[in-house]
Amino acid sequence: MTSKKRRAEKMRNATLQLRKLINSGAIDKKLFTQKQLNDINTDVGGKAKTKIHGYAWHHNAQSSPNNMQLIPDEIHNKAVRHTGEGSLSEGR
């Protein structure tokens, strides 16, 4: 599996976990817009989406074992900019 596919799989799994937590009531669905809930609850080609409108899945190695964090795009794109696993594994 390529690193790009592996990262996408981690994001899909994180979306599935978020879906389960919302459906169980552990996370309040009122935290999300209807568009975001559609992204969380809709599969594409039988797989969960990798992107939730307005958010980025951020890999944080320090938060293991649950090291995917859902961060607002505006924060991720400005305050959390980094050379992440994707850039490093692709030689950037």
C-alpha atoms as a PDB file:
ATOM      1  CA  MET A   1       0.000   0.000   0.000  1.00  0.00           C
ATOM      2  CA  THR A   2       1.403   3.404  -0.937  1.00  0.00           C
ATOM      3  CA  SER A   3       1.832   6.068   1.725  1.00  0.00           C
ATOM      4  CA  LYS A   4      -0.888   8.166   0.053  1.00  0.00           C
ATOM      5  CA  LYS A   5      -3.341   5.260   0.207  1.00  0.00           C
ATOM      6  CA  ARG A   6      -2.321   4.502   3.792  1.00  0.00           C
ATOM      7  CA  ARG A   7      -2.985   8.121   4.837  1.00  0.00           C
ATOM      8  CA  ALA A   8      -6.377   8.084   3.084  1.00  0.00           C
ATOM      9  CA  GLU A   9      -7.248   4.844   4.878  1.00  0.00           C
ATOM     10  CA  LYS A  10      -6.368   6.427   8.246  1.00  0.00           C
ATOM     11  CA  MET A  11      -8.660   9.364   7.441  1.00  0.00           C
ATOM     12  CA  ARG A  12     -11.510   7.054   6.389  1.00  0.00           C
ATOM     13  CA  ASN A  13     -11.100   5.052   9.602  1.00  0.00           C
ATOM     14  CA  ALA A  14     -11.130   8.258  11.643  1.00  0.00           C
ATOM     15  CA  THR A  15     -14.330   9.348   9.890  1.00  0.00           C
ATOM     16  CA  LEU A  16     -15.902   5.951  10.628  1.00  0.00           C
ATOM     17  CA  GLN A  17     -14.902   6.230  14.291  1.00  0.00           C
ATOM     18  CA  LEU A  18     -16.380   9.739  14.457  1.00  0.00           C
ATOM     19  CA  ARG A  19     -19.591   8.420  12.856  1.00  0.00           C
ATOM     20  CA  LYS A  20     -19.849   5.700  15.507  1.00  0.00           C
ATOM     21  CA  LEU A  21     -19.252   8.177  18.338  1.00  0.00           C
ATOM     22  CA  ILE A  22     -21.929  10.533  17.007  1.00  0.00           C
ATOM     23  CA  ASN A  23     -24.413   7.697  16.484  1.00  0.00           C
ATOM     24  CA  SER A  24     -23.815   6.410  20.024  1.00  0.00           C
ATOM     25  CA  GLY A  25     -24.322   9.881  21.488  1.00  0.00           C
ATOM     26  CA  ALA A  26     -20.747  10.110  22.806  1.00  0.00           C
ATOM     27  CA  ILE A  27     -20.220  13.163  20.569  1.00  0.00           C
ATOM     28  CA  ASP A  28     -23.051  15.653  20.130  1.00  0.00           C
ATOM     29  CA  LYS A  29     -24.084  15.914  16.481  1.00  0.00           C
ATOM     30  CA  LYS A  30     -25.026  19.554  17.118  1.00  0.00           C
ATOM     31  CA  LEU A  31     -21.308  20.334  16.924  1.00  0.00           C
ATOM     32  CA  PHE A  32     -21.539  19.832  13.151  1.00  0.00           C
ATOM     33  CA  THR A  33     -23.473  21.450  10.309  1.00  0.00           C
ATOM     34  CA  GLN A  34     -25.819  19.386   8.160  1.00  0.00           C
ATOM     35  CA  LYS A  35     -23.231  19.407   5.349  1.00  0.00           C
ATOM     36  CA  GLN A  36     -20.575  18.090   7.734  1.00  0.00           C
ATOM     37  CA  LEU A  37     -22.924  15.402   9.052  1.00  0.00           C
ATOM     38  CA  ASN A  38     -23.605  14.379   5.448  1.00  0.00           C
ATOM     39  CA  ASP A  39     -19.844  14.059   4.885  1.00  0.00           C
ATOM     40  CA  ILE A  40     -19.483  12.006   8.072  1.00  0.00           C
ATOM     41  CA  ASN A  41     -22.414   9.696   7.285  1.00  0.00           C
ATOM     42  CA  THR A  42     -22.031   9.268   3.518  1.00  0.00           C
ATOM     43  CA  ASP A  43     -19.847   6.595   1.971  1.00  0.00           C
ATOM     44  CA  VAL A  44     -18.231   6.979  -1.437  1.00  0.00           C
ATOM     45  CA  GLY A  45     -17.649   3.742  -3.293  1.00  0.00           C
ATOM     46  CA  GLY A  46     -18.437   1.821  -0.115  1.00  0.00           C
ATOM     47  CA  LYS A  47     -15.853   3.733   1.910  1.00  0.00           C
ATOM     48  CA  ALA A  48     -16.112   6.601   4.382  1.00  0.00           C
ATOM     49  CA  LYS A  49     -15.019  10.016   3.170  1.00  0.00           C
ATOM     50  CA  THR A  50     -11.512  11.288   3.867  1.00  0.00           C
ATOM     51  CA  LYS A  51     -12.628  14.940   4.066  1.00  0.00           C
ATOM     52  CA  ILE A  52     -15.255  16.627   6.226  1.00  0.00           C
ATOM     53  CA  HIS A  53     -16.248  20.079   4.990  1.00  0.00           C
ATOM     54  CA  GLY A  54     -14.395  22.779   6.919  1.00  0.00           C
ATOM     55  CA  TYR A  55     -12.080  20.361   8.709  1.00  0.00           C
ATOM     56  CA  ALA A  56      -8.786  18.541   8.191  1.00  0.00           C
ATOM     57  CA  TRP A  57      -7.764  15.222   9.663  1.00  0.00           C
ATOM     58  CA  HIS A  58      -4.435  15.921  11.346  1.00  0.00           C
ATOM     59  CA  HIS A  59      -2.028  13.143  12.241  1.00  0.00           C
ATOM     60  CA  ASN A  60      -0.518  13.760  15.681  1.00  0.00           C
ATOM     61  CA  ALA A  61       2.013  11.123  16.679  1.00  0.00           C
ATOM     62  CA  GLN A  62       2.046  12.377  20.276  1.00  0.00           C
ATOM     63  CA  SER A  63      -1.611  11.457  20.841  1.00  0.00           C
ATOM     64  CA  SER A  64      -1.223   7.717  20.257  1.00  0.00           C
ATOM     65  CA  PRO A  65      -3.109   5.422  20.004  1.00  0.00           C
ATOM     66  CA  ASN A  66      -5.863   7.700  18.653  1.00  0.00           C
ATOM     67  CA  ASN A  67      -3.596   9.980  16.721  1.00  0.00           C
ATOM     68  CA  MET A  68      -6.002  11.465  14.187  1.00  0.00           C
ATOM     69  CA  GLN A  69      -7.411  14.822  15.243  1.00  0.00           C
ATOM     70  CA  LEU A  70     -10.203  16.711  13.485  1.00  0.00           C
ATOM     71  CA  ILE A  71      -9.063  20.327  13.217  1.00  0.00           C
ATOM     72  CA  PRO A  72     -10.835  23.270  11.541  1.00  0.00           C
ATOM     73  CA  ASP A  73      -9.245  23.992   8.138  1.00  0.00           C
ATOM     74  CA  GLU A  74      -8.485  27.605   9.035  1.00  0.00           C
ATOM     75  CA  ILE A  75      -6.448  26.496  12.053  1.00  0.00           C
ATOM     76  CA  HIS A  76      -4.769  23.579  10.298  1.00  0.00           C
ATOM     77  CA  ASN A  77      -3.836  25.680   7.279  1.00  0.00           C
ATOM     78  CA  LYS A  78      -2.327  28.497   9.364  1.00  0.00           C
ATOM     79  CA  ALA A  79      -1.292  27.413  12.841  1.00  0.00           C
ATOM     80  CA  VAL A  80      -0.540  23.724  12.317  1.00  0.00           C
ATOM     81  CA  ARG A  81       1.356  23.953   9.053  1.00  0.00           C
ATOM     82  CA  HIS A  82       4.166  21.464   9.069  1.00  0.00           C
ATOM     83  CA  THR A  83       6.166  19.039   7.053  1.00  0.00           C
ATOM     84  CA  GLY A  84       3.998  16.032   7.689  1.00  0.00           C
ATOM     85  CA  GLU A  85       4.266  12.359   6.919  1.00  0.00           C
ATOM     86  CA  GLY A  86       2.947  12.883   3.394  1.00  0.00           C
ATOM     87  CA  SER A  87       5.564  15.445   2.457  1.00  0.00           C
ATOM     88  CA  LEU A  88       8.367  13.462   4.043  1.00  0.00           C
ATOM     89  CA  SER A  89       7.397  10.153   2.456  1.00  0.00           C
ATOM     90  CA  GLU A  90       7.069  11.787  -0.962  1.00  0.00           C
ATOM     91  CA  GLY A  91      10.487  13.439  -0.753  1.00  0.00           C
ATOM     92  CA  ARG A  92       9.319  17.053  -0.391  1.00  0.00           C
END
